[in-house]
PDB file of N, CA and C in Angstrom:
ATOM      1  N   UNK A   1     196.431 143.771 216.975  1.00  0.00           N
ATOM      2  CA  UNK A   1     196.410 143.648 215.535  1.00  0.00           C
ATOM      3  C   UNK A   1     196.779 142.239 215.091  1.00  0.00           C
ATOM      4  N   UNK A   2     197.502 141.507 215.942  1.00  0.00           N
ATOM      5  CA  UNK A   2     197.930 140.166 215.589  1.00  0.00           C
ATOM      6  C   UNK A   2     196.721 139.248 215.421  1.00  0.00           C
ATOM      7  N   UNK A   3     195.727 139.393 216.283  1.00  0.00           N
ATOM      8  CA  UNK A   3     194.538 138.545 216.180  1.00  0.00           C
ATOM      9  C   UNK A   3     193.739 138.891 214.926  1.00  0.00           C
ATOM     10  N   UNK A   4     193.761 140.157 214.535  1.00  0.00           N
ATOM     11  CA  UNK A   4     193.063 140.558 213.316  1.00  0.00           C
ATOM     12  C   UNK A   4     193.719 139.942 212.089  1.00  0.00           C
ATOM     13  N   UNK A   5     195.043 139.933 212.069  1.00  0.00           N
ATOM     14  CA  UNK A   5     195.763 139.317 210.951  1.00  0.00           C
ATOM     15  C   UNK A   5     195.538 137.807 210.928  1.00  0.00           C
ATOM     16  N   UNK A   6     195.502 137.205 212.110  1.00  0.00           N
ATOM     17  CA  UNK A   6     195.269 135.767 212.199  1.00  0.00           C
ATOM     18  C   UNK A   6     193.855 135.424 211.714  1.00  0.00           C
ATOM     19  N   UNK A   7     192.889 136.235 212.082  1.00  0.00           N
ATOM     20  CA  UNK A   7     191.516 136.028 211.637  1.00  0.00           C
ATOM     21  C   UNK A   7     191.407 136.203 210.125  1.00  0.00           C
ATOM     22  N   UNK A   8     192.110 137.182 209.596  1.00  0.00           N
ATOM     23  CA  UNK A   8     192.091 137.424 208.158  1.00  0.00           C
ATOM     24  C   UNK A   8     192.726 136.266 207.399  1.00  0.00           C
ATOM     25  N   UNK A   9     193.827 135.728 207.912  1.00  0.00           N
ATOM     26  CA  UNK A   9     194.475 134.605 207.236  1.00  0.00           C
ATOM     27  C   UNK A   9     193.599 133.354 207.299  1.00  0.00           C
ATOM     28  N   UNK A  10     192.916 133.165 208.415  1.00  0.00           N
ATOM     29  CA  UNK A  10     192.000 132.027 208.520  1.00  0.00           C
ATOM     30  C   UNK A  10     190.848 132.170 207.538  1.00  0.00           C
ATOM     31  N   UNK A  11     190.308 133.373 207.420  1.00  0.00           N
ATOM     32  CA  UNK A  11     189.220 133.613 206.474  1.00  0.00           C
ATOM     33  C   UNK A  11     189.693 133.378 205.045  1.00  0.00           C
ATOM     34  N   UNK A  12     190.906 133.831 204.722  1.00  0.00           N
ATOM     35  CA  UNK A  12     191.439 133.612 203.381  1.00  0.00           C
ATOM     36  C   UNK A  12     191.638 132.119 203.098  1.00  0.00           C
ATOM     37  N   UNK A  13     192.079 131.370 204.108  1.00  0.00           N
ATOM     38  CA  UNK A  13     192.269 129.937 203.938  1.00  0.00           C
ATOM     39  C   UNK A  13     190.934 129.234 203.687  1.00  0.00           C
ATOM     40  N   UNK A  14     189.914 129.620 204.456  1.00  0.00           N
ATOM     41  CA  UNK A  14     188.587 129.018 204.267  1.00  0.00           C
ATOM     42  C   UNK A  14     188.031 129.376 202.900  1.00  0.00           C
ATOM     43  N   UNK A  15     188.172 130.617 202.491  1.00  0.00           N
ATOM     44  CA  UNK A  15     187.687 131.024 201.165  1.00  0.00           C
ATOM     45  C   UNK A  15     188.437 130.302 200.053  1.00  0.00           C
ATOM     46  N   UNK A  16     189.728 130.101 200.241  1.00  0.00           N
ATOM     47  CA  UNK A  16     190.507 129.363 199.253  1.00  0.00           C
ATOM     48  C   UNK A  16     190.050 127.922 199.130  1.00  0.00           C
ATOM     49  N   UNK A  17     189.728 127.308 200.256  1.00  0.00           N
ATOM     50  CA  UNK A  17     189.234 125.931 200.212  1.00  0.00           C
ATOM     51  C   UNK A  17     187.862 125.862 199.554  1.00  0.00           C
ATOM     52  N   UNK A  18     187.041 126.862 199.816  1.00  0.00           N
ATOM     53  CA  UNK A  18     185.717 126.883 199.189  1.00  0.00           C
ATOM     54  C   UNK A  18     185.834 127.032 197.675  1.00  0.00           C
ATOM     55  N   UNK A  19     186.776 127.856 197.240  1.00  0.00           N
ATOM     56  CA  UNK A  19     186.961 128.045 195.800  1.00  0.00           C
ATOM     57  C   UNK A  19     187.506 126.787 195.140  1.00  0.00           C
ATOM     58  N   UNK A  20     188.387 126.084 195.827  1.00  0.00           N
ATOM     59  CA  UNK A  20     188.973 124.880 195.249  1.00  0.00           C
ATOM     60  C   UNK A  20     188.079 123.655 195.423  1.00  0.00           C
ATOM     61  N   UNK A  21     186.999 123.800 196.183  1.00  0.00           N
ATOM     62  CA  UNK A  21     186.052 122.719 196.459  1.00  0.00           C
ATOM     63  C   UNK A  21     186.723 121.534 197.128  1.00  0.00           C
ATOM     64  N   UNK A  22     187.768 121.784 197.850  1.00  0.00           N
ATOM     65  CA  UNK A  22     188.440 120.759 198.644  1.00  0.00           C
ATOM     66  C   UNK A  22     188.408 121.247 200.093  1.00  0.00           C
ATOM     67  N   UNK A  23     187.265 120.999 200.749  1.00  0.00           N
ATOM     68  CA  UNK A  23     187.053 121.570 202.078  1.00  0.00           C
ATOM     69  C   UNK A  23     187.834 120.841 203.167  1.00  0.00           C
ATOM     70  N   UNK A  24     187.984 119.551 203.030  1.00  0.00           N
ATOM     71  CA  UNK A  24     188.593 118.763 204.098  1.00  0.00           C
ATOM     72  C   UNK A  24     189.927 118.188 203.640  1.00  0.00           C
ATOM     73  N   UNK A  25     190.860 118.114 204.575  1.00  0.00           N
ATOM     74  CA  UNK A  25     192.190 117.630 204.230  1.00  0.00           C
ATOM     75  C   UNK A  25     192.268 116.116 204.259  1.00  0.00           C
ATOM     76  N   UNK A  26     191.466 115.492 205.089  1.00  0.00           N
ATOM     77  CA  UNK A  26     191.536 114.038 205.197  1.00  0.00           C
ATOM     78  C   UNK A  26     190.136 113.471 205.394  1.00  0.00           C
ATOM     79  N   UNK A  27     190.068 112.152 205.409  1.00  0.00           N
ATOM     80  CA  UNK A  27     188.783 111.502 205.645  1.00  0.00           C
ATOM     81  C   UNK A  27     188.311 111.715 207.078  1.00  0.00           C
ATOM     82  N   UNK A  28     189.260 111.911 207.989  1.00  0.00           N
ATOM     83  CA  UNK A  28     188.884 112.164 209.389  1.00  0.00           C
ATOM     84  C   UNK A  28     188.157 113.503 209.515  1.00  0.00           C
ATOM     85  N   UNK A  29     188.571 114.474 208.733  1.00  0.00           N
ATOM     86  CA  UNK A  29     187.873 115.767 208.742  1.00  0.00           C
ATOM     87  C   UNK A  29     186.439 115.612 208.252  1.00  0.00           C
ATOM     88  N   UNK A  30     186.267 114.808 207.214  1.00  0.00           N
ATOM     89  CA  UNK A  30     184.925 114.562 206.678  1.00  0.00           C
ATOM     90  C   UNK A  30     184.068 113.837 207.707  1.00  0.00           C
ATOM     91  N   UNK A  31     184.637 112.844 208.377  1.00  0.00           N
ATOM     92  CA  UNK A  31     183.889 112.095 209.384  1.00  0.00           C
ATOM     93  C   UNK A  31     183.527 112.984 210.572  1.00  0.00           C
ATOM     94  N   UNK A  32     184.462 113.825 210.993  1.00  0.00           N
ATOM     95  CA  UNK A  32     184.187 114.724 212.109  1.00  0.00           C
ATOM     96  C   UNK A  32     183.095 115.722 211.747  1.00  0.00           C
ATOM     97  N   UNK A  33     183.112 116.197 210.526  1.00  0.00           N
ATOM     98  CA  UNK A  33     182.084 117.132 210.081  1.00  0.00           C
ATOM     99  C   UNK A  33     180.721 116.448 210.009  1.00  0.00           C
ATOM    100  N   UNK A  34     180.693 115.206 209.561  1.00  0.00           N
ATOM    101  CA  UNK A  34     179.429 114.463 209.506  1.00  0.00           C
ATOM    102  C   UNK A  34     178.873 114.227 210.909  1.00  0.00           C
ATOM    103  N   UNK A  35     179.748 113.886 211.851  1.00  0.00           N
ATOM    104  CA  UNK A  35     179.315 113.695 213.236  1.00  0.00           C
ATOM    105  C   UNK A  35     178.799 115.000 213.818  1.00  0.00           C
ATOM    106  N   UNK A  36     179.460 116.091 213.503  1.00  0.00           N
ATOM    107  CA  UNK A  36     179.011 117.406 213.983  1.00  0.00           C
ATOM    108  C   UNK A  36     177.632 117.745 213.411  1.00  0.00           C
ATOM    109  N   UNK A  37     177.427 117.480 212.119  1.00  0.00           N
ATOM    110  CA  UNK A  37     176.127 117.748 211.508  1.00  0.00           C
ATOM    111  C   UNK A  37     175.033 116.878 212.115  1.00  0.00           C
ATOM    112  N   UNK A  38     175.350 115.617 212.401  1.00  0.00           N
ATOM    113  CA  UNK A  38     174.376 114.736 213.041  1.00  0.00           C
ATOM    114  C   UNK A  38     174.027 115.258 214.434  1.00  0.00           C
ATOM    115  N   UNK A  39     175.024 115.722 215.172  1.00  0.00           N
ATOM    116  CA  UNK A  39     174.785 116.274 216.500  1.00  0.00           C
ATOM    117  C   UNK A  39     173.899 117.514 216.427  1.00  0.00           C
ATOM    118  N   UNK A  40     174.213 118.423 215.522  1.00  0.00           N
ATOM    119  CA  UNK A  40     173.418 119.646 215.382  1.00  0.00           C
ATOM    120  C   UNK A  40     171.995 119.300 214.954  1.00  0.00           C
ATOM    121  N   UNK A  41     171.852 118.362 214.038  1.00  0.00           N
ATOM    122  CA  UNK A  41     170.518 117.940 213.608  1.00  0.00           C
ATOM    123  C   UNK A  41     169.713 117.326 214.738  1.00  0.00           C
ATOM    124  N   UNK A  42     170.366 116.533 215.584  1.00  0.00           N
ATOM    125  CA  UNK A  42     169.685 115.923 216.717  1.00  0.00           C
ATOM    126  C   UNK A  42     169.230 116.977 217.710  1.00  0.00           C
ATOM    127  N   UNK A  43     170.089 117.947 217.982  1.00  0.00           N
ATOM    128  CA  UNK A  43     169.720 119.025 218.911  1.00  0.00           C
ATOM    129  C   UNK A  43     168.548 119.823 218.360  1.00  0.00           C
ATOM    130  N   UNK A  44     168.586 120.140 217.082  1.00  0.00           N
ATOM    131  CA  UNK A  44     167.475 120.884 216.477  1.00  0.00           C
ATOM    132  C   UNK A  44     166.180 120.074 216.488  1.00  0.00           C
ATOM    133  N   UNK A  45     166.276 118.782 216.242  1.00  0.00           N
ATOM    134  CA  UNK A  45     165.095 117.929 216.289  1.00  0.00           C
ATOM    135  C   UNK A  45     164.513 117.882 217.699  1.00  0.00           C
ATOM    136  N   UNK A  46     165.369 117.776 218.700  1.00  0.00           N
ATOM    137  CA  UNK A  46     164.887 117.750 220.082  1.00  0.00           C
ATOM    138  C   UNK A  46     164.255 119.081 220.475  1.00  0.00           C
ATOM    139  N   UNK A  47     164.831 120.183 220.012  1.00  0.00           N
ATOM    140  CA  UNK A  47     164.225 121.492 220.288  1.00  0.00           C
ATOM    141  C   UNK A  47     162.861 121.610 219.616  1.00  0.00           C
ATOM    142  N   UNK A  48     162.755 121.128 218.396  1.00  0.00           N
ATOM    143  CA  UNK A  48     161.481 121.154 217.693  1.00  0.00           C
ATOM    144  C   UNK A  48     160.439 120.305 218.417  1.00  0.00           C
ATOM    145  N   UNK A  49     160.843 119.116 218.854  1.00  0.00           N
ATOM    146  CA  UNK A  49     159.919 118.252 219.579  1.00  0.00           C
ATOM    147  C   UNK A  49     159.504 118.871 220.909  1.00  0.00           C
ATOM    148  N   UNK A  50     160.437 119.523 221.598  1.00  0.00           N
ATOM    149  CA  UNK A  50     160.095 120.178 222.861  1.00  0.00           C
ATOM    150  C   UNK A  50     159.115 121.319 222.640  1.00  0.00           C
ATOM    151  N   UNK A  51     159.331 122.094 221.603  1.00  0.00           N
ATOM    152  CA  UNK A  51     158.401 123.193 221.296  1.00  0.00           C
ATOM    153  C   UNK A  51     157.027 122.655 220.924  1.00  0.00           C
ATOM    154  N   UNK A  52     156.988 121.608 220.109  1.00  0.00           N
ATOM    155  CA  UNK A  52     155.710 121.014 219.741  1.00  0.00           C
ATOM    156  C   UNK A  52     155.001 120.436 220.962  1.00  0.00           C
ATOM    157  N   UNK A  53     155.748 119.827 221.848  1.00  0.00           N
ATOM    158  CA  UNK A  53     155.154 119.257 223.051  1.00  0.00           C
ATOM    159  C   UNK A  53     154.578 120.353 223.933  1.00  0.00           C
ATOM    160  N   UNK A  54     155.308 121.454 224.070  1.00  0.00           N
ATOM    161  CA  UNK A  54     154.808 122.563 224.887  1.00  0.00           C
ATOM    162  C   UNK A  54     153.560 123.180 224.268  1.00  0.00           C
ATOM    163  N   UNK A  55     153.582 123.411 222.972  1.00  0.00           N
ATOM    164  CA  UNK A  55     152.439 124.040 222.304  1.00  0.00           C
ATOM    165  C   UNK A  55     151.218 123.126 222.302  1.00  0.00           C
ATOM    166  N   UNK A  56     151.386 121.892 221.914  1.00  0.00           N
ATOM    167  CA  UNK A  56     150.255 120.978 221.808  1.00  0.00           C
ATOM    168  C   UNK A  56     149.801 120.495 223.177  1.00  0.00           C
ATOM    169  N   UNK A  57     150.716 120.306 224.088  1.00  0.00           N
ATOM    170  CA  UNK A  57     150.384 119.794 225.408  1.00  0.00           C
ATOM    171  C   UNK A  57     149.566 120.823 226.186  1.00  0.00           C
ATOM    172  N   UNK A  58     149.920 122.079 226.086  1.00  0.00           N
ATOM    173  CA  UNK A  58     149.198 123.122 226.812  1.00  0.00           C
ATOM    174  C   UNK A  58     147.790 123.284 226.248  1.00  0.00           C
ATOM    175  N   UNK A  59     147.642 123.217 224.934  1.00  0.00           N
ATOM    176  CA  UNK A  59     146.332 123.412 224.316  1.00  0.00           C
ATOM    177  C   UNK A  59     145.416 122.218 224.567  1.00  0.00           C
ATOM    178  N   UNK A  60     145.942 121.030 224.479  1.00  0.00           N
ATOM    179  CA  UNK A  60     145.105 119.835 224.567  1.00  0.00           C
ATOM    180  C   UNK A  60     144.664 119.536 225.991  1.00  0.00           C
ATOM    181  N   UNK A  61     145.541 119.745 226.944  1.00  0.00           N
ATOM    182  CA  UNK A  61     145.245 119.329 228.309  1.00  0.00           C
ATOM    183  C   UNK A  61     144.778 120.457 229.208  1.00  0.00           C
ATOM    184  N   UNK A  62     144.645 121.632 228.708  1.00  0.00           N
ATOM    185  CA  UNK A  62     144.218 122.750 229.529  1.00  0.00           C
ATOM    186  C   UNK A  62     142.761 122.589 229.927  1.00  0.00           C
ATOM    187  N   UNK A  63     141.918 122.157 229.008  1.00  0.00           N
ATOM    188  CA  UNK A  63     140.506 122.008 229.314  1.00  0.00           C
ATOM    189  C   UNK A  63     140.266 120.839 230.263  1.00  0.00           C
ATOM    190  N   UNK A  64     141.032 119.765 230.139  1.00  0.00           N
ATOM    191  CA  UNK A  64     140.835 118.628 231.026  1.00  0.00           C
ATOM    192  C   UNK A  64     141.307 118.955 232.441  1.00  0.00           C
ATOM    193  N   UNK A  65     142.275 119.815 232.592  1.00  0.00           N
ATOM    194  CA  UNK A  65     142.724 120.199 233.923  1.00  0.00           C
ATOM    195  C   UNK A  65     141.688 121.074 234.619  1.00  0.00           C
ATOM    196  N   UNK A  66     140.995 121.904 233.858  1.00  0.00           N
ATOM    197  CA  UNK A  66     139.999 122.761 234.476  1.00  0.00           C
ATOM    198  C   UNK A  66     138.801 121.941 234.951  1.00  0.00           C
ATOM    199  N   UNK A  67     138.518 120.807 234.310  1.00  0.00           N
ATOM    200  CA  UNK A  67     137.426 119.952 234.740  1.00  0.00           C
ATOM    201  C   UNK A  67     137.774 119.214 236.028  1.00  0.00           C
ATOM    202  N   UNK A  68     139.024 118.871 236.208  1.00  0.00           N
ATOM    203  CA  UNK A  68     139.443 118.149 237.397  1.00  0.00           C
ATOM    204  C   UNK A  68     139.571 119.115 238.566  1.00  0.00           C
ATOM    205  N   UNK A  69     139.049 118.733 239.686  1.00  0.00           N
ATOM    206  CA  UNK A  69     139.185 119.534 240.901  1.00  0.00           C
ATOM    207  C   UNK A  69     139.953 118.755 241.963  1.00  0.00           C
ATOM    208  N   UNK A  70     140.797 117.830 241.538  1.00  0.00           N
ATOM    209  CA  UNK A  70     141.556 117.039 242.490  1.00  0.00           C
ATOM    210  C   UNK A  70     142.830 117.767 242.840  1.00  0.00           C
ATOM    211  N   UNK A  71     143.238 117.603 244.082  1.00  0.00           N
ATOM    212  CA  UNK A  71     144.481 118.226 244.515  1.00  0.00           C
ATOM    213  C   UNK A  71     145.637 117.293 244.210  1.00  0.00           C
ATOM    214  N   UNK A  72     146.789 117.888 244.079  1.00  0.00           N
ATOM    215  CA  UNK A  72     147.963 117.086 243.797  1.00  0.00           C
ATOM    216  C   UNK A  72     148.619 116.688 245.105  1.00  0.00           C
ATOM    217  N   UNK A  73     149.204 115.540 245.150  1.00  0.00           N
ATOM    218  CA  UNK A  73     149.912 115.092 246.336  1.00  0.00           C
ATOM    219  C   UNK A  73     149.036 114.189 247.184  1.00  0.00           C
ATOM    220  N   UNK A  74     149.550 113.895 248.366  1.00  0.00           N
ATOM    221  CA  UNK A  74     148.881 112.987 249.287  1.00  0.00           C
ATOM    222  C   UNK A  74     148.440 113.782 250.502  1.00  0.00           C
ATOM    223  N   UNK A  75     147.206 113.567 250.936  1.00  0.00           N
ATOM    224  CA  UNK A  75     146.725 114.228 252.145  1.00  0.00           C
ATOM    225  C   UNK A  75     147.370 113.576 253.355  1.00  0.00           C
ATOM    226  N   UNK A  76     147.903 114.404 254.235  1.00  0.00           N
ATOM    227  CA  UNK A  76     148.509 113.910 255.466  1.00  0.00           C
ATOM    228  C   UNK A  76     147.439 113.909 256.557  1.00  0.00           C
ATOM    229  N   UNK A  77     146.902 112.745 256.839  1.00  0.00           N
ATOM    230  CA  UNK A  77     145.833 112.624 257.807  1.00  0.00           C
ATOM    231  C   UNK A  77     146.319 112.819 259.242  1.00  0.00           C
ATOM    232  N   UNK A  78     147.603 112.751 259.486  1.00  0.00           N
ATOM    233  CA  UNK A  78     148.135 112.938 260.839  1.00  0.00           C
ATOM    234  C   UNK A  78     148.011 114.400 261.265  1.00  0.00           C
ATOM    235  N   UNK A  79     147.862 115.330 260.326  1.00  0.00           N
ATOM    236  CA  UNK A  79     147.744 116.737 260.669  1.00  0.00           C
ATOM    237  C   UNK A  79     146.320 117.137 261.025  1.00  0.00           C
ATOM    238  N   UNK A  80     145.334 116.274 260.713  1.00  0.00           N
ATOM    239  CA  UNK A  80     143.947 116.586 261.047  1.00  0.00           C
ATOM    240  C   UNK A  80     143.729 116.452 262.551  1.00  0.00           C
ATOM    241  N   UNK A  81     142.934 117.362 263.181  1.00  0.00           N
ATOM    242  CA  UNK A  81     142.700 117.266 264.636  1.00  0.00           C
ATOM    243  C   UNK A  81     141.760 116.133 264.993  1.00  0.00           C
TER     244      UNK A  81
END
């Protein structure tokens, strides 16, 4: 029950700050929050770019791969009899 009371007091503190419109206690809190938002935005941008690359890359290069009949890698001529 102690963790429930602690969670409730934390929620009340956050709600109180939201009502007073004073979310951060110092400028360091504001800077840390801005850095966190920049980090989250960068991660989301990279995920978006990865998804776009997967979607567009598969569609665009699928037909060109089917035209190519080349094998990947290097042929090892020492294995030929």
